[in-house]
C-alpha cells in the first residue's frame, strides 16, 4: 500500500504538506495542492480515515435523524444529503426515530454525543433546547430541515403558502365545492405541517368568498391507504360530492385518484385532484402538485454543514433558509363540468 511519504517524494514536498493539501486543513497554495493531488492520483494513494481523524479531530461522518424512513419525502431528503456528503468525502449514519420516545432519548443522549459523528441533520423534527445545546456544546454543528430550530441554521418551507397555492389553483379553475384531506392530530406534531396546510386551504377559500364547512376538511395520516379510504367515502355521495380535492400530500392525492376510479368516476372530468410534494409517482398518475424538491433540501442541508466543518470553507450560515416550491400543473385538474 502506498504511503504518504511516497506521495511527498513524488510531489517534492513534505509529508506534512501532503496531509494539509489532501485534508483541506491548513494553508497550501493552489499550485502545491494541485501537484500533491496529481501525485496521489498517479500513485493511487488513499487517505487513511483513522489518520485523518486523529489529525483533524473529525470522523468525516454526519448523522441524519428522521422521524420515519418508510415515507417517500424522508427517504428523498436522505438521498439528497447522502449525495452531497459522498461528493465531499463524508460518510453518513442514519437514525430512524419511528420507534418512539425511548429510542429518541437513546439517540440524542448517547449515540449522537459520541465521537462517531461530526455533525447532525435533523429532518422534520422539533428538537428540544437540551437536544440542541447538548450537540452544540460538543462542537457538533446542526442543521434543521422542515422548520425553525432555535439558534441553528434551519431550512424552512412556507407550508401555508404551499397549501394556499394548491387551493387557489382549483379556485381559479372554477371549483367551489373543494374537499381538503389533511393531516390528523396525531400526525400534526413537529412544526404543525398538517395545521399549516389546513390554514392555507382556509385562507384561500375565505379570500375567494367561499364557505369553509367542517365537513370540507378531513383528517388523514398522509398515506395512500388513508387518502383512498376518506376520498372513497366523500366521493360516494352523488348529491353533495366535491368537484375537487386538495390533498396535503401526493400519497393521499394518489389514494383519492384510485378511489375515484374504483367508484367509476373520471379524473379530472368528475373530480379534480391536487397534492403536495411531486412524489416519484406523481408524473405517472399525471397528478397536479406543488413540488417542494426534497432531494435538493437534503443536498442543501449537507452543504451548509460541510461549510461549517471545513476550515477552508467555513462561513456564517443564515439561521433561516427559505426553500423554493413550484406548482406543477398536470392533467388531474380541469374546469368543473357543467
Protein backbone atom coordinates (compact mmCIF):
# COMPACT_ATOMS: atom_id res chain seq x y z
CA UNK A 1 0.00 0.00 0.00
CA UNK A 2 1.31 3.43 -0.98
CA UNK A 3 2.19 5.66 1.98
CA UNK A 4 2.13 9.40 2.47
CA UNK A 5 5.95 9.59 2.26
CA UNK A 6 5.89 8.24 -1.30
CA UNK A 7 3.33 10.88 -2.31
CA UNK A 8 5.52 13.55 -0.69
CA UNK A 9 8.60 12.41 -2.66
CA UNK A 10 6.65 12.31 -5.94
CA UNK A 11 5.27 15.82 -5.34
CA UNK A 12 8.56 17.22 -3.98
CA UNK A 13 7.04 18.39 -0.69
CA UNK A 14 6.99 17.29 2.94
CA UNK A 15 4.61 14.68 4.33
CA UNK A 16 3.01 17.42 6.45
CA UNK A 17 2.27 19.42 3.30
CA UNK A 18 0.66 16.35 1.70
CA UNK A 19 -1.52 15.94 4.79
CA UNK A 20 -2.62 19.59 4.70
CA UNK A 21 -3.25 19.54 0.95
CA UNK A 22 -5.39 16.39 0.95
CA UNK A 23 -7.29 17.10 4.17
CA UNK A 24 -8.04 20.74 3.41
CA UNK A 25 -6.72 21.73 6.83
CA UNK A 26 -4.08 24.44 6.78
CA UNK A 27 -2.70 26.87 4.21
CA UNK A 28 -1.42 25.32 0.98
CA UNK A 29 -1.04 27.19 -2.31
CA UNK A 30 -3.26 26.16 -5.19
CA UNK A 31 -0.21 25.12 -7.23
CA UNK A 32 1.13 22.88 -4.44
CA UNK A 33 -2.28 21.40 -3.77
CA UNK A 34 -2.67 20.51 -7.46
CA UNK A 35 0.80 18.90 -7.51
CA UNK A 36 0.03 16.83 -4.41
CA UNK A 37 -3.36 15.73 -5.73
CA UNK A 38 -1.77 14.73 -9.03
CA UNK A 39 0.90 12.67 -7.25
CA UNK A 40 -1.71 10.99 -5.05
CA UNK A 41 -3.78 10.14 -8.10
CA UNK A 42 -0.80 8.71 -10.01
CA UNK A 43 0.17 6.53 -7.02
CA UNK A 44 -3.45 5.54 -6.23
CA UNK A 45 -2.96 6.88 -2.71
CA UNK A 46 -6.00 6.73 -0.41
CA UNK A 47 -6.09 8.90 2.72
CA UNK A 48 -6.36 6.82 5.88
CA UNK A 49 -9.62 7.70 7.61
CA UNK A 50 -8.09 6.86 11.01
CA UNK A 51 -5.06 9.06 10.43
CA UNK A 52 -7.22 11.86 9.10
CA UNK A 53 -9.50 11.63 12.14
CA UNK A 54 -6.57 11.75 14.55
CA UNK A 55 -5.09 14.78 12.80
CA UNK A 56 -8.32 16.75 12.45
CA UNK A 57 -10.35 15.52 15.41
CA UNK A 58 -13.15 14.74 12.93
CA UNK A 59 -14.57 11.41 11.77
CA UNK A 60 -15.85 12.77 8.41
CA UNK A 61 -19.21 11.27 9.28
CA UNK A 62 -22.56 13.08 9.56
CA UNK A 63 -25.60 11.78 11.40
CA UNK A 64 -29.06 12.23 9.86
CA UNK A 65 -32.10 11.85 12.13
CA UNK A 66 -35.55 11.24 10.61
CA UNK A 67 -38.96 10.51 12.18
CA UNK A 68 -39.80 7.88 9.53
CA UNK A 69 -37.86 6.14 6.79
CA UNK A 70 -40.73 4.39 5.03
CA UNK A 71 -42.12 7.68 3.68
CA UNK A 72 -41.01 8.95 0.29
CA UNK A 73 -40.30 12.50 1.48
CA UNK A 74 -37.88 11.50 4.24
CA UNK A 75 -36.01 8.95 2.13
CA UNK A 76 -35.66 11.56 -0.64
CA UNK A 77 -34.15 14.11 1.77
CA UNK A 78 -31.70 11.43 2.94
CA UNK A 79 -30.75 10.58 -0.65
CA UNK A 80 -30.02 14.22 -1.44
CA UNK A 81 -27.93 14.67 1.71
CA UNK A 82 -26.01 11.45 1.04
CA UNK A 83 -25.17 12.57 -2.48
CA UNK A 84 -23.68 15.86 -1.24
CA UNK A 85 -21.83 14.18 1.63
CA UNK A 86 -20.25 11.49 -0.56
CA UNK A 87 -19.25 14.12 -3.09
CA UNK A 88 -17.30 15.86 -0.33
CA UNK A 89 -15.76 12.74 1.22
CA UNK A 90 -18.13 12.29 4.17
CA UNK A 91 -19.89 9.16 5.40
CA UNK A 92 -23.47 9.10 6.65
CA UNK A 93 -25.04 7.44 9.68
CA UNK A 94 -28.84 7.25 9.66
CA UNK A 95 -31.02 7.30 12.78
CA UNK A 96 -34.71 6.43 12.32
CA UNK A 97 -36.85 7.52 15.28
CA UNK A 98 -40.06 5.70 14.34
CA UNK A 99 -39.67 3.56 17.48
CA UNK A 100 -40.81 6.31 19.87
CA UNK A 101 -39.60 8.33 22.87
CA UNK A 102 -37.15 5.83 24.37
CA UNK A 103 -35.40 5.47 21.03
CA UNK A 104 -35.17 9.24 20.64
CA UNK A 105 -33.62 9.68 24.09
CA UNK A 106 -31.09 6.97 23.32
CA UNK A 107 -30.10 8.60 20.02
CA UNK A 108 -29.71 12.13 21.40
CA UNK A 109 -28.31 11.25 24.82
CA UNK A 110 -25.82 8.62 23.69
CA UNK A 111 -25.28 7.88 20.00
CA UNK A 112 -25.05 11.43 18.64
CA UNK A 113 -22.88 12.60 21.55
CA UNK A 114 -20.20 10.03 20.88
CA UNK A 115 -17.28 10.91 18.65
CA UNK A 116 -18.62 8.84 15.76
CA UNK A 117 -20.42 11.77 14.05
CA UNK A 118 -19.09 15.27 13.37
CA UNK A 119 -22.44 16.97 12.78
CA UNK A 120 -26.18 16.30 12.61
CA UNK A 121 -29.03 16.95 10.18
CA UNK A 122 -32.48 16.79 11.80
CA UNK A 123 -35.30 16.24 9.29
CA UNK A 124 -38.84 17.36 10.23
CA UNK A 125 -38.04 17.15 13.94
CA UNK A 126 -38.64 19.88 16.52
CA UNK A 127 -35.66 19.44 18.80
CA UNK A 128 -35.73 20.44 22.45
CA UNK A 129 -33.41 23.07 23.90
CA UNK A 130 -31.47 20.32 25.68
CA UNK A 131 -31.07 18.28 22.48
CA UNK A 132 -29.76 21.31 20.59
CA UNK A 133 -27.46 22.63 23.34
CA UNK A 134 -26.09 19.13 24.03
CA UNK A 135 -24.87 18.79 20.45
CA UNK A 136 -23.53 22.33 20.14
CA UNK A 137 -21.65 22.01 23.44
CA UNK A 138 -19.70 19.11 21.89
CA UNK A 139 -18.86 21.22 18.80
CA UNK A 140 -21.23 19.22 16.60
CA UNK A 141 -22.84 21.62 14.07
CA UNK A 142 -26.54 21.09 13.49
CA UNK A 143 -28.90 21.89 10.60
CA UNK A 144 -32.67 21.52 10.67
CA UNK A 145 -34.84 20.65 7.67
CA UNK A 146 -38.57 21.37 7.68
CA UNK A 147 -38.93 24.12 10.29
CA UNK A 148 -37.11 26.52 12.63
CA UNK A 149 -34.69 25.23 15.26
CA UNK A 150 -33.58 27.78 17.85
CA UNK A 151 -30.11 29.16 17.22
CA UNK A 152 -29.08 26.86 14.36
CA UNK A 153 -29.41 27.05 10.56
CA UNK A 154 -32.86 25.82 9.54
CA UNK A 155 -34.25 25.12 6.08
CA UNK A 156 -37.91 26.14 6.06
CA UNK A 157 -40.74 25.93 3.57
CA UNK A 158 -43.85 28.09 3.82
CA UNK A 159 -46.46 25.39 4.39
CA UNK A 160 -49.33 27.89 4.49
CA UNK A 161 -48.28 29.41 1.16
CA UNK A 162 -47.93 25.95 -0.43
CA UNK A 163 -51.47 24.97 0.57
CA UNK A 164 -52.84 28.34 -0.48
CA UNK A 165 -51.24 27.94 -3.93
CA UNK A 166 -52.72 24.47 -4.41
CA UNK A 167 -56.19 25.61 -3.34
CA UNK A 168 -56.06 28.79 -5.43
CA UNK A 169 -55.29 26.68 -8.49
CA UNK A 170 -58.57 24.80 -8.02
CA UNK A 171 -60.49 28.01 -7.32
CA UNK A 172 -59.09 29.67 -10.46
CA UNK A 173 -60.35 26.71 -12.48
CA UNK A 174 -63.85 27.48 -11.17
CA UNK A 175 -64.23 24.93 -8.38
CA UNK A 176 -66.25 25.95 -5.33
CA UNK A 177 -67.03 22.56 -3.74
CA UNK A 178 -63.49 21.64 -2.65
CA UNK A 179 -62.61 18.93 -0.14
CA UNK A 180 -59.37 19.14 1.84
CA UNK A 181 -57.83 15.86 3.01
CA UNK A 182 -55.17 16.90 5.51
CA UNK A 183 -53.14 15.73 8.45
CA UNK A 184 -54.63 14.18 11.55
CA UNK A 185 -53.97 15.46 15.06
CA UNK A 186 -51.61 12.50 15.59
CA UNK A 187 -49.53 13.47 12.57
CA UNK A 188 -49.64 17.17 13.39
CA UNK A 189 -46.75 17.23 15.84
CA UNK A 190 -43.41 18.60 14.70
CA UNK A 191 -43.70 22.02 13.01
CA UNK A 192 -47.50 21.60 12.71
CA UNK A 193 -47.34 20.81 8.99
CA UNK A 194 -50.90 19.47 8.86
CA UNK A 195 -52.32 22.52 10.64
CA UNK A 196 -50.41 24.97 8.47
CA UNK A 197 -51.61 23.33 5.26
CA UNK A 198 -55.17 23.38 6.61
CA UNK A 199 -54.79 27.09 7.39
CA UNK A 200 -53.56 27.73 3.85
CA UNK A 201 -56.63 25.96 2.46
CA UNK A 202 -58.92 28.01 4.70
CA UNK A 203 -57.21 31.28 3.78
CA UNK A 204 -57.58 30.64 0.05
CA UNK A 205 -61.23 29.68 0.38
CA UNK A 206 -62.05 32.68 2.58
CA UNK A 207 -60.21 35.09 0.26
CA UNK A 208 -62.34 33.79 -2.61
CA UNK A 209 -65.53 34.27 -0.61
CA UNK A 210 -66.18 30.53 -0.39
CA UNK A 211 -67.57 28.90 2.78
CA UNK A 212 -65.36 26.52 4.73
CA UNK A 213 -67.57 23.93 6.39
CA UNK A 214 -66.23 21.44 8.91
CA UNK A 215 -67.16 18.56 6.61
CA UNK A 216 -64.97 20.02 3.85
CA UNK A 217 -61.85 19.26 5.90
CA UNK A 218 -60.98 15.61 6.62
CA UNK A 219 -58.09 14.42 8.79
CA UNK A 220 -55.95 11.56 7.45
CA UNK A 221 -52.47 10.17 8.09
CA UNK A 222 -50.61 11.24 4.90
CA UNK A 223 -50.66 7.69 3.49
CA UNK A 224 -52.10 6.46 0.21
CA UNK A 225 -54.38 4.00 2.01
CA UNK A 226 -55.94 6.65 4.24
CA UNK A 227 -56.34 9.07 1.34
CA UNK A 228 -58.12 6.31 -0.56
CA UNK A 229 -60.47 5.47 2.33
CA UNK A 230 -61.51 9.06 3.06
CA UNK A 231 -61.87 10.05 -0.61
CA UNK A 232 -63.99 6.99 -1.35
CA UNK A 233 -66.35 7.89 1.45
CA UNK A 234 -66.59 11.55 0.40
CA UNK A 235 -66.99 10.80 -3.32
CA UNK A 236 -69.64 8.16 -2.66
CA UNK A 237 -72.37 10.78 -2.14
CA UNK A 238 -73.63 11.75 -5.61
CA UNK A 239 -75.82 14.65 -4.43
CA UNK A 240 -73.18 16.55 -2.44
CA UNK A 241 -69.98 15.25 -3.95
CA UNK A 242 -67.00 17.66 -4.13
CA UNK A 243 -65.86 18.62 -7.60
CA UNK A 244 -62.25 18.92 -6.45
CA UNK A 245 -59.93 17.54 -3.77
CA UNK A 246 -56.83 19.18 -2.33
CA UNK A 247 -54.80 16.53 -0.50
CA UNK A 248 -51.98 17.64 1.81
CA UNK A 249 -49.62 15.04 0.30
CA UNK A 250 -49.26 13.37 -3.07
CA UNK A 251 -49.64 9.94 -1.48
CA UNK A 252 -53.10 10.89 -0.20
CA UNK A 253 -53.90 12.53 -3.56
CA UNK A 254 -52.96 9.33 -5.41
CA UNK A 255 -55.16 7.37 -2.98
CA UNK A 256 -58.02 9.76 -3.79
CA UNK A 257 -57.49 9.25 -7.53
CA UNK A 258 -57.64 5.46 -7.07
CA UNK A 259 -60.82 5.84 -5.01
CA UNK A 260 -62.43 7.91 -7.77
CA UNK A 261 -61.52 5.25 -10.33
CA UNK A 262 -63.00 2.47 -8.21
CA UNK A 263 -66.24 4.46 -7.90
CA UNK A 264 -66.44 4.79 -11.68
CA UNK A 265 -65.53 8.46 -11.66
CA UNK A 266 -63.12 10.11 -14.07
CA UNK A 267 -60.23 12.39 -13.08
CA UNK A 268 -60.44 15.30 -13.86
CA UNK A 269 -63.83 15.23 -15.62
CA UNK A 270 -65.77 14.26 -12.47
CA UNK A 271 -63.29 15.37 -9.82
CA UNK A 272 -60.05 17.37 -9.97
CA UNK A 273 -57.26 16.38 -7.60
CA UNK A 274 -54.16 18.27 -6.50
CA UNK A 275 -51.46 17.24 -4.00
CA UNK A 276 -48.21 18.45 -2.47
CA UNK A 277 -44.68 17.03 -2.87
CA UNK A 278 -44.12 15.95 -6.50
CA UNK A 279 -43.80 12.33 -5.36
CA UNK A 280 -41.95 9.95 -7.66
CA UNK A 281 -45.35 8.54 -8.75
CA UNK A 282 -46.93 11.97 -9.36
CA UNK A 283 -45.93 12.16 -13.01
CA UNK A 284 -47.08 8.56 -13.62
CA UNK A 285 -50.55 9.47 -12.30
CA UNK A 286 -50.38 12.85 -14.10
CA UNK A 287 -51.05 14.49 -10.76
CA UNK A 288 -51.08 18.26 -10.43
CA UNK A 289 -48.98 19.06 -7.39
CA UNK A 290 -46.86 21.63 -5.59
CA UNK A 291 -43.26 20.41 -5.76
CA UNK A 292 -41.02 21.02 -2.76
CA UNK A 293 -37.84 19.29 -4.04
CA UNK A 294 -36.88 17.12 -1.02
CA UNK A 295 -33.66 15.80 -2.54
CA UNK A 296 -32.44 19.36 -3.01
CA UNK A 297 -33.40 20.08 0.61
CA UNK A 298 -31.11 17.26 1.74
CA UNK A 299 -28.28 18.42 -0.51
CA UNK A 300 -28.53 21.98 0.74
CA UNK A 301 -28.56 20.88 4.39
CA UNK A 302 -25.41 18.82 3.84
CA UNK A 303 -23.68 21.66 2.01
CA UNK A 304 -24.42 24.06 4.88
CA UNK A 305 -22.95 21.58 7.36
CA UNK A 306 -19.83 20.92 5.29
CA UNK A 307 -19.21 24.66 5.02
CA UNK A 308 -19.16 24.77 8.84
CA UNK A 309 -16.92 21.71 9.17
CA UNK A 310 -14.27 22.60 6.59
CA UNK A 311 -11.82 25.27 7.84
CA UNK A 312 -11.07 26.46 4.32
CA UNK A 313 -14.79 26.92 3.55
CA UNK A 314 -16.14 27.96 6.94
CA UNK A 315 -18.73 30.70 6.72
CA UNK A 316 -21.52 32.08 8.88
CA UNK A 317 -24.71 30.27 7.90
CA UNK A 318 -28.07 32.03 7.87
CA UNK A 319 -30.38 30.82 10.63
CA UNK A 320 -33.48 30.91 8.40
CA UNK A 321 -33.12 29.48 4.89
CA UNK A 322 -36.36 29.68 2.82
CA UNK A 323 -36.98 26.75 0.47
CA UNK A 324 -38.50 27.01 -3.01
CA UNK A 325 -41.71 25.39 -4.19
CA UNK A 326 -43.49 25.30 -7.55
CA UNK A 327 -46.97 24.46 -8.85
CA UNK A 328 -46.74 21.71 -11.50
CA UNK A 329 -49.96 21.54 -13.48
CA UNK A 330 -50.71 18.13 -14.98
CA UNK A 331 -53.90 16.51 -16.23
CA UNK A 332 -55.52 15.66 -12.87
CA UNK A 333 -57.09 19.12 -12.67
CA UNK A 334 -59.52 20.85 -15.03
CA UNK A 335 -62.52 23.18 -15.00
CA UNK A 336 -65.61 21.61 -13.39
CA UNK A 337 -68.06 20.03 -15.82
CA UNK A 338 -71.31 21.87 -16.42
